[in-house]
Amino acid sequence: MNIFQAQPQDVDKILPLYLGYRNFYQVEAQPAQAREFILKRLELNESVIFSRKLTASPPASRSSIRCSAH
């Protein structure tokens, strides 16, 4: 398992998890707006997102996120 701090270029890896979070709380997905929201938070250093990449064999494509504001 590798844990890394997400950067703006990682937004497309994080987006599906964020959309799942919104779905869980029964909030409309709005993928384009959600992507822009995450991207802005990362670019402006308003949020720190850690992602976990599983390193099982064969390589897993799952990750998880935890968002926290400074």
PDB file of N, CA and C in Angstrom:
ATOM      1  N   MET A   1       0.850  -1.168   0.000  1.00  0.00           N
ATOM      2  CA  MET A   1       0.000   0.000   0.000  1.00  0.00           C
ATOM      3  C   MET A   1       0.895   1.230   0.000  1.00  0.00           C
ATOM      4  N   ASN A   2       0.602   2.167  -0.887  1.00  0.00           N
ATOM      5  CA  ASN A   2       1.318   3.436  -0.949  1.00  0.00           C
ATOM      6  C   ASN A   2       0.344   4.562  -0.657  1.00  0.00           C
ATOM      7  N   ILE A   3       0.735   5.471   0.228  1.00  0.00           N
ATOM      8  CA  ILE A   3      -0.087   6.631   0.535  1.00  0.00           C
ATOM      9  C   ILE A   3       0.646   7.856   0.008  1.00  0.00           C
ATOM     10  N   PHE A   4      -0.091   8.703  -0.704  1.00  0.00           N
ATOM     11  CA  PHE A   4       0.528   9.909  -1.236  1.00  0.00           C
ATOM     12  C   PHE A   4      -0.429  11.085  -1.103  1.00  0.00           C
ATOM     13  N   GLN A   5       0.152  12.274  -1.056  1.00  0.00           N
ATOM     14  CA  GLN A   5      -0.656  13.481  -1.022  1.00  0.00           C
ATOM     15  C   GLN A   5      -1.035  13.834  -2.448  1.00  0.00           C
ATOM     16  N   ALA A   6      -2.319  13.955  -2.699  1.00  0.00           N
ATOM     17  CA  ALA A   6      -2.808  14.238  -4.041  1.00  0.00           C
ATOM     18  C   ALA A   6      -2.388  15.632  -4.489  1.00  0.00           C
ATOM     19  N   GLN A   7      -2.088  15.733  -5.759  1.00  0.00           N
ATOM     20  CA  GLN A   7      -1.727  16.981  -6.413  1.00  0.00           C
ATOM     21  C   GLN A   7      -2.812  17.285  -7.445  1.00  0.00           C
ATOM     22  N   PRO A   8      -2.848  18.517  -7.971  1.00  0.00           N
ATOM     23  CA  PRO A   8      -3.883  18.838  -8.963  1.00  0.00           C
ATOM     24  C   PRO A   8      -3.962  17.839 -10.125  1.00  0.00           C
ATOM     25  N   GLN A   9      -2.835  17.284 -10.545  1.00  0.00           N
ATOM     26  CA  GLN A   9      -2.868  16.326 -11.662  1.00  0.00           C
ATOM     27  C   GLN A   9      -3.521  14.994 -11.276  1.00  0.00           C
ATOM     28  N   ASP A  10      -3.812  14.785  -9.999  1.00  0.00           N
ATOM     29  CA  ASP A  10      -4.450  13.552  -9.532  1.00  0.00           C
ATOM     30  C   ASP A  10      -5.969  13.668  -9.449  1.00  0.00           C
ATOM     31  N   VAL A  11      -6.518  14.797  -9.840  1.00  0.00           N
ATOM     32  CA  VAL A  11      -7.950  15.048  -9.658  1.00  0.00           C
ATOM     33  C   VAL A  11      -8.819  13.969 -10.299  1.00  0.00           C
ATOM     34  N   ASP A  12      -8.438  13.454 -11.458  1.00  0.00           N
ATOM     35  CA  ASP A  12      -9.272  12.440 -12.117  1.00  0.00           C
ATOM     36  C   ASP A  12      -9.227  11.095 -11.394  1.00  0.00           C
ATOM     37  N   LYS A  13      -8.193  10.847 -10.600  1.00  0.00           N
ATOM     38  CA  LYS A  13      -8.136   9.624  -9.784  1.00  0.00           C
ATOM     39  C   LYS A  13      -9.030   9.760  -8.562  1.00  0.00           C
ATOM     40  N   ILE A  14      -9.166  10.958  -8.060  1.00  0.00           N
ATOM     41  CA  ILE A  14      -9.918  11.223  -6.840  1.00  0.00           C
ATOM     42  C   ILE A  14     -11.404  11.424  -7.118  1.00  0.00           C
ATOM     43  N   LEU A  15     -11.731  11.948  -8.274  1.00  0.00           N
ATOM     44  CA  LEU A  15     -13.109  12.311  -8.608  1.00  0.00           C
ATOM     45  C   LEU A  15     -14.130  11.188  -8.390  1.00  0.00           C
ATOM     46  N   PRO A  16     -13.884   9.942  -8.848  1.00  0.00           N
ATOM     47  CA  PRO A  16     -14.895   8.895  -8.634  1.00  0.00           C
ATOM     48  C   PRO A  16     -15.217   8.667  -7.157  1.00  0.00           C
ATOM     49  N   LEU A  17     -14.238   8.792  -6.305  1.00  0.00           N
ATOM     50  CA  LEU A  17     -14.478   8.603  -4.872  1.00  0.00           C
ATOM     51  C   LEU A  17     -15.288   9.757  -4.298  1.00  0.00           C
ATOM     52  N   TYR A  18     -14.989  10.955  -4.747  1.00  0.00           N
ATOM     53  CA  TYR A  18     -15.742  12.125  -4.296  1.00  0.00           C
ATOM     54  C   TYR A  18     -17.199  12.040  -4.779  1.00  0.00           C
ATOM     55  N   LEU A  19     -17.392  11.601  -5.999  1.00  0.00           N
ATOM     56  CA  LEU A  19     -18.757  11.442  -6.512  1.00  0.00           C
ATOM     57  C   LEU A  19     -19.506  10.364  -5.729  1.00  0.00           C
ATOM     58  N   GLY A  20     -18.814   9.306  -5.340  1.00  0.00           N
ATOM     59  CA  GLY A  20     -19.425   8.277  -4.498  1.00  0.00           C
ATOM     60  C   GLY A  20     -19.825   8.818  -3.140  1.00  0.00           C
ATOM     61  N   TYR A  21     -18.994   9.695  -2.584  1.00  0.00           N
ATOM     62  CA  TYR A  21     -19.290  10.364  -1.316  1.00  0.00           C
ATOM     63  C   TYR A  21     -20.564  11.200  -1.449  1.00  0.00           C
ATOM     64  N   ARG A  22     -20.658  11.965  -2.545  1.00  0.00           N
ATOM     65  CA  ARG A  22     -21.847  12.789  -2.779  1.00  0.00           C
ATOM     66  C   ARG A  22     -23.083  11.903  -2.954  1.00  0.00           C
ATOM     67  N   ASN A  23     -22.930  10.800  -3.661  1.00  0.00           N
ATOM     68  CA  ASN A  23     -24.037   9.881  -3.869  1.00  0.00           C
ATOM     69  C   ASN A  23     -24.525   9.298  -2.544  1.00  0.00           C
ATOM     70  N   PHE A  24     -23.597   8.941  -1.673  1.00  0.00           N
ATOM     71  CA  PHE A  24     -23.951   8.391  -0.371  1.00  0.00           C
ATOM     72  C   PHE A  24     -24.853   9.352   0.401  1.00  0.00           C
ATOM     73  N   TYR A  25     -24.550  10.641   0.300  1.00  0.00           N
ATOM     74  CA  TYR A  25     -25.352  11.654   0.983  1.00  0.00           C
ATOM     75  C   TYR A  25     -26.501  12.179   0.118  1.00  0.00           C
ATOM     76  N   GLN A  26     -26.778  11.467  -0.963  1.00  0.00           N
ATOM     77  CA  GLN A  26     -27.890  11.758  -1.862  1.00  0.00           C
ATOM     78  C   GLN A  26     -27.832  13.185  -2.408  1.00  0.00           C
ATOM     79  N   VAL A  27     -26.614  13.600  -2.774  1.00  0.00           N
ATOM     80  CA  VAL A  27     -26.383  14.896  -3.407  1.00  0.00           C
ATOM     81  C   VAL A  27     -26.116  14.628  -4.880  1.00  0.00           C
ATOM     82  N   GLU A  28     -26.711  15.426  -5.740  1.00  0.00           N
ATOM     83  CA  GLU A  28     -26.521  15.254  -7.176  1.00  0.00           C
ATOM     84  C   GLU A  28     -25.035  15.245  -7.521  1.00  0.00           C
ATOM     85  N   ALA A  29     -24.635  14.346  -8.401  1.00  0.00           N
ATOM     86  CA  ALA A  29     -23.213  14.131  -8.709  1.00  0.00           C
ATOM     87  C   ALA A  29     -22.541  15.360  -9.311  1.00  0.00           C
ATOM     88  N   GLN A  30     -23.072  15.913 -10.386  1.00  0.00           N
ATOM     89  CA  GLN A  30     -22.495  17.056 -11.090  1.00  0.00           C
ATOM     90  C   GLN A  30     -20.978  16.890 -11.291  1.00  0.00           C
ATOM     91  N   PRO A  31     -20.564  15.902 -12.082  1.00  0.00           N
ATOM     92  CA  PRO A  31     -19.144  15.587 -12.228  1.00  0.00           C
ATOM     93  C   PRO A  31     -18.255  16.762 -12.648  1.00  0.00           C
ATOM     94  N   ALA A  32     -18.698  17.570 -13.593  1.00  0.00           N
ATOM     95  CA  ALA A  32     -17.853  18.686 -14.052  1.00  0.00           C
ATOM     96  C   ALA A  32     -17.627  19.698 -12.925  1.00  0.00           C
ATOM     97  N   GLN A  33     -18.688  20.024 -12.206  1.00  0.00           N
ATOM     98  CA  GLN A  33     -18.572  20.977 -11.110  1.00  0.00           C
ATOM     99  C   GLN A  33     -17.761  20.389  -9.958  1.00  0.00           C
ATOM    100  N   ALA A  34     -17.958  19.111  -9.678  1.00  0.00           N
ATOM    101  CA  ALA A  34     -17.217  18.448  -8.606  1.00  0.00           C
ATOM    102  C   ALA A  34     -15.730  18.409  -8.936  1.00  0.00           C
ATOM    103  N   ARG A  35     -15.397  18.132 -10.189  1.00  0.00           N
ATOM    104  CA  ARG A  35     -13.995  18.102 -10.603  1.00  0.00           C
ATOM    105  C   ARG A  35     -13.357  19.471 -10.415  1.00  0.00           C
ATOM    106  N   GLU A  36     -14.066  20.507 -10.825  1.00  0.00           N
ATOM    107  CA  GLU A  36     -13.557  21.875 -10.679  1.00  0.00           C
ATOM    108  C   GLU A  36     -13.377  22.239  -9.206  1.00  0.00           C
ATOM    109  N   PHE A  37     -14.322  21.809  -8.362  1.00  0.00           N
ATOM    110  CA  PHE A  37     -14.247  22.069  -6.922  1.00  0.00           C
ATOM    111  C   PHE A  37     -12.978  21.445  -6.331  1.00  0.00           C
ATOM    112  N   ILE A  38     -12.763  20.169  -6.615  1.00  0.00           N
ATOM    113  CA  ILE A  38     -11.578  19.484  -6.085  1.00  0.00           C
ATOM    114  C   ILE A  38     -10.303  20.132  -6.624  1.00  0.00           C
ATOM    115  N   LEU A  39     -10.276  20.396  -7.916  1.00  0.00           N
ATOM    116  CA  LEU A  39      -9.096  20.991  -8.538  1.00  0.00           C
ATOM    117  C   LEU A  39      -8.757  22.334  -7.892  1.00  0.00           C
ATOM    118  N   LYS A  40      -9.740  23.184  -7.703  1.00  0.00           N
ATOM    119  CA  LYS A  40      -9.498  24.499  -7.079  1.00  0.00           C
ATOM    120  C   LYS A  40      -8.976  24.350  -5.658  1.00  0.00           C
ATOM    121  N   ARG A  41      -9.565  23.427  -4.884  1.00  0.00           N
ATOM    122  CA  ARG A  41      -9.114  23.237  -3.502  1.00  0.00           C
ATOM    123  C   ARG A  41      -7.643  22.819  -3.474  1.00  0.00           C
ATOM    124  N   LEU A  42      -7.254  21.945  -4.399  1.00  0.00           N
ATOM    125  CA  LEU A  42      -5.866  21.494  -4.450  1.00  0.00           C
ATOM    126  C   LEU A  42      -4.936  22.612  -4.932  1.00  0.00           C
ATOM    127  N   GLU A  43      -5.340  23.318  -5.963  1.00  0.00           N
ATOM    128  CA  GLU A  43      -4.508  24.382  -6.513  1.00  0.00           C
ATOM    129  C   GLU A  43      -4.290  25.525  -5.521  1.00  0.00           C
ATOM    130  N   LEU A  44      -5.310  25.843  -4.749  1.00  0.00           N
ATOM    131  CA  LEU A  44      -5.222  26.946  -3.796  1.00  0.00           C
ATOM    132  C   LEU A  44      -4.740  26.498  -2.418  1.00  0.00           C
ATOM    133  N   ASN A  45      -4.369  25.229  -2.307  1.00  0.00           N
ATOM    134  CA  ASN A  45      -3.919  24.660  -1.024  1.00  0.00           C
ATOM    135  C   ASN A  45      -4.946  24.869   0.090  1.00  0.00           C
ATOM    136  N   GLU A  46      -6.218  24.767  -0.267  1.00  0.00           N
ATOM    137  CA  GLU A  46      -7.293  24.886   0.713  1.00  0.00           C
ATOM    138  C   GLU A  46      -7.680  23.537   1.295  1.00  0.00           C
ATOM    139  N   SER A  47      -7.281  22.475   0.650  1.00  0.00           N
ATOM    140  CA  SER A  47      -7.536  21.117   1.132  1.00  0.00           C
ATOM    141  C   SER A  47      -6.300  20.264   0.900  1.00  0.00           C
ATOM    142  N   VAL A  48      -6.157  19.289   1.753  1.00  0.00           N
ATOM    143  CA  VAL A  48      -5.111  18.285   1.589  1.00  0.00           C
ATOM    144  C   VAL A  48      -5.823  16.947   1.449  1.00  0.00           C
ATOM    145  N   ILE A  49      -5.525  16.239   0.390  1.00  0.00           N
ATOM    146  CA  ILE A  49      -6.165  14.955   0.130  1.00  0.00           C
ATOM    147  C   ILE A  49      -5.081  13.894   0.072  1.00  0.00           C
ATOM    148  N   PHE A  50      -5.228  12.884   0.883  1.00  0.00           N
ATOM    149  CA  PHE A  50      -4.316  11.754   0.851  1.00  0.00           C
ATOM    150  C   PHE A  50      -5.016  10.604   0.154  1.00  0.00           C
ATOM    151  N   SER A  51      -4.319   9.955  -0.718  1.00  0.00           N
ATOM    152  CA  SER A  51      -4.871   8.832  -1.454  1.00  0.00           C
ATOM    153  C   SER A  51      -4.033   7.601  -1.172  1.00  0.00           C
ATOM    154  N   ARG A  52      -4.692   6.491  -1.121  1.00  0.00           N
ATOM    155  CA  ARG A  52      -4.001   5.224  -0.871  1.00  0.00           C
ATOM    156  C   ARG A  52      -4.093   4.383  -2.132  1.00  0.00           C
ATOM    157  N   LYS A  53      -2.957   4.005  -2.633  1.00  0.00           N
ATOM    158  CA  LYS A  53      -2.918   3.119  -3.795  1.00  0.00           C
ATOM    159  C   LYS A  53      -2.545   1.730  -3.299  1.00  0.00           C
ATOM    160  N   LEU A  54      -3.397   0.773  -3.568  1.00  0.00           N
ATOM    161  CA  LEU A  54      -3.124  -0.595  -3.167  1.00  0.00           C
ATOM    162  C   LEU A  54      -2.077  -1.184  -4.099  1.00  0.00           C
ATOM    163  N   THR A  55      -1.157  -1.932  -3.546  1.00  0.00           N
ATOM    164  CA  THR A  55      -0.084  -2.508  -4.351  1.00  0.00           C
ATOM    165  C   THR A  55      -0.146  -4.025  -4.358  1.00  0.00           C
ATOM    166  N   ALA A  56      -1.347  -4.547  -4.421  1.00  0.00           N
ATOM    167  CA  ALA A  56      -1.526  -6.004  -4.481  1.00  0.00           C
ATOM    168  C   ALA A  56      -1.148  -6.500  -5.870  1.00  0.00           C
ATOM    169  N   SER A  57      -0.982  -7.785  -5.999  1.00  0.00           N
ATOM    170  CA  SER A  57      -0.681  -8.369  -7.301  1.00  0.00           C
ATOM    171  C   SER A  57      -1.884  -9.196  -7.722  1.00  0.00           C
ATOM    172  N   PRO A  58      -2.538  -8.951  -8.826  1.00  0.00           N
ATOM    173  CA  PRO A  58      -2.253  -7.909  -9.812  1.00  0.00           C
ATOM    174  C   PRO A  58      -2.559  -6.533  -9.248  1.00  0.00           C
ATOM    175  N   PRO A  59      -1.990  -5.477  -9.851  1.00  0.00           N
ATOM    176  CA  PRO A  59      -2.186  -4.127  -9.312  1.00  0.00           C
ATOM    177  C   PRO A  59      -3.662  -3.793  -9.170  1.00  0.00           C
ATOM    178  N   ALA A  60      -4.015  -3.309  -8.002  1.00  0.00           N
ATOM    179  CA  ALA A  60      -5.403  -2.915  -7.741  1.00  0.00           C
ATOM    180  C   ALA A  60      -5.627  -1.499  -8.244  1.00  0.00           C
ATOM    181  N   SER A  61      -6.831  -1.213  -8.608  1.00  0.00           N
ATOM    182  CA  SER A  61      -7.138   0.116  -9.130  1.00  0.00           C
ATOM    183  C   SER A  61      -7.967   0.929  -8.141  1.00  0.00           C
ATOM    184  N   ARG A  62      -8.008   0.505  -6.900  1.00  0.00           N
ATOM    185  CA  ARG A  62      -8.799   1.219  -5.900  1.00  0.00           C
ATOM    186  C   ARG A  62      -7.908   2.170  -5.112  1.00  0.00           C
ATOM    187  N   SER A  63      -8.512   3.216  -4.655  1.00  0.00           N
ATOM    188  CA  SER A  63      -7.842   4.132  -3.750  1.00  0.00           C
ATOM    189  C   SER A  63      -8.894   4.717  -2.836  1.00  0.00           C
ATOM    190  N   SER A  64      -8.482   5.330  -1.769  1.00  0.00           N
ATOM    191  CA  SER A  64      -9.422   5.986  -0.871  1.00  0.00           C
ATOM    192  C   SER A  64      -8.883   7.364  -0.558  1.00  0.00           C
ATOM    193  N   ILE A  65      -9.774   8.255  -0.162  1.00  0.00           N
ATOM    194  CA  ILE A  65      -9.347   9.613   0.124  1.00  0.00           C
ATOM    195  C   ILE A  65      -9.854  10.065   1.474  1.00  0.00           C
ATOM    196  N   ARG A  66      -9.156  10.977   2.023  1.00  0.00           N
ATOM    197  CA  ARG A  66      -9.606  11.681   3.214  1.00  0.00           C
ATOM    198  C   ARG A  66      -9.290  13.144   2.967  1.00  0.00           C
ATOM    199  N   CYS A  67     -10.297  13.984   2.992  1.00  0.00           N
ATOM    200  CA  CYS A  67     -10.115  15.413   2.742  1.00  0.00           C
ATOM    201  C   CYS A  67     -10.109  16.133   4.079  1.00  0.00           C
ATOM    202  N   SER A  68      -9.236  17.086   4.213  1.00  0.00           N
ATOM    203  CA  SER A  68      -9.250  17.922   5.397  1.00  0.00           C
ATOM    204  C   SER A  68      -8.791  19.310   5.015  1.00  0.00           C
ATOM    205  N   ALA A  69      -9.455  20.287   5.560  1.00  0.00           N
ATOM    206  CA  ALA A  69      -9.072  21.680   5.307  1.00  0.00           C
ATOM    207  C   ALA A  69      -8.055  22.086   6.362  1.00  0.00           C
ATOM    208  N   HIS A  70      -7.186  22.994   5.988  1.00  0.00           N
ATOM    209  CA  HIS A  70      -6.183  23.493   6.955  1.00  0.00           C
ATOM    210  C   HIS A  70      -6.874  24.378   7.956  1.00  0.00           C
TER     211      HIS A  70
END
